[in-house]
Amino acid sequence: MIRKAASIGLGGLALLLALGTTATHEAHATSMNRATVEDLTDAAHMVVRGVITEVWSETDSNGRIWTRAQLEVSHQYKGASVDGVIVSQLGGVHHNDFSIVPGSARFSVGEEGLFFLETLGSGNTVTSGKFQGKFTVRIDPDNGREILVRFLAPQDMVYDHRFIPHPPPEDRVYMDDIEQRVLNRLETAALDKGDK
């Protein structure tokens, strides 16, 4: 669905930012099944940690809006070694038009995360399972450990990763735990290939 975007002033932008960040981690109800870390690792062509350095939108030859994010890779877990990759998501805002694609991942400059990426036949690299394939790195305010937050922000709201709410302590997922699950899954897959 493509609509004309309304012009808003600074007050409207602040309101949209505030509204866009009030959703909790429970606000990602969609019709897709929730993917586990193991599911995402299996589906991904690449699993990387990195920082978003640039975000822009453009239209393709069919007039569809794509949001692109330049990801500078700091650590590679799976896939061919790369220094950077452009991650694409269908939908977003381009000039005065916007297209909403439910469940799409959102990106902002400076955002650090763990990314499970697939390359489509079209050549676009996307997050596996839409928003499910992107975890934002945050610091646990209680113990200083890195936590990973999977957050679904509406596409028609301003997005800034710095305002993603921390999950409650009992729901926090730590980077080193997820990293170990990814490594365990990759090791199991390598052993399975060796058996064949």
Foldseek 3Di string as FASTA:
>chain_A
DKDFADDDDPVVQVVLAVVQQPDALVPQDDPDDQDDLLRLLVQFQWKFKFFFADWDWDADPVRWIKIKTKTQTDGTDHHDDDRIDIAIDTWADDDGMTDWDRQAADHDGGWIWIFRWHQDPVRHIYGPRHLSRIWTWDADPVPRFTWTGRDDTTRSGDDDVVSHDDHPPVPTHGPVVSVVVSNVSVVVVVVVVVVD
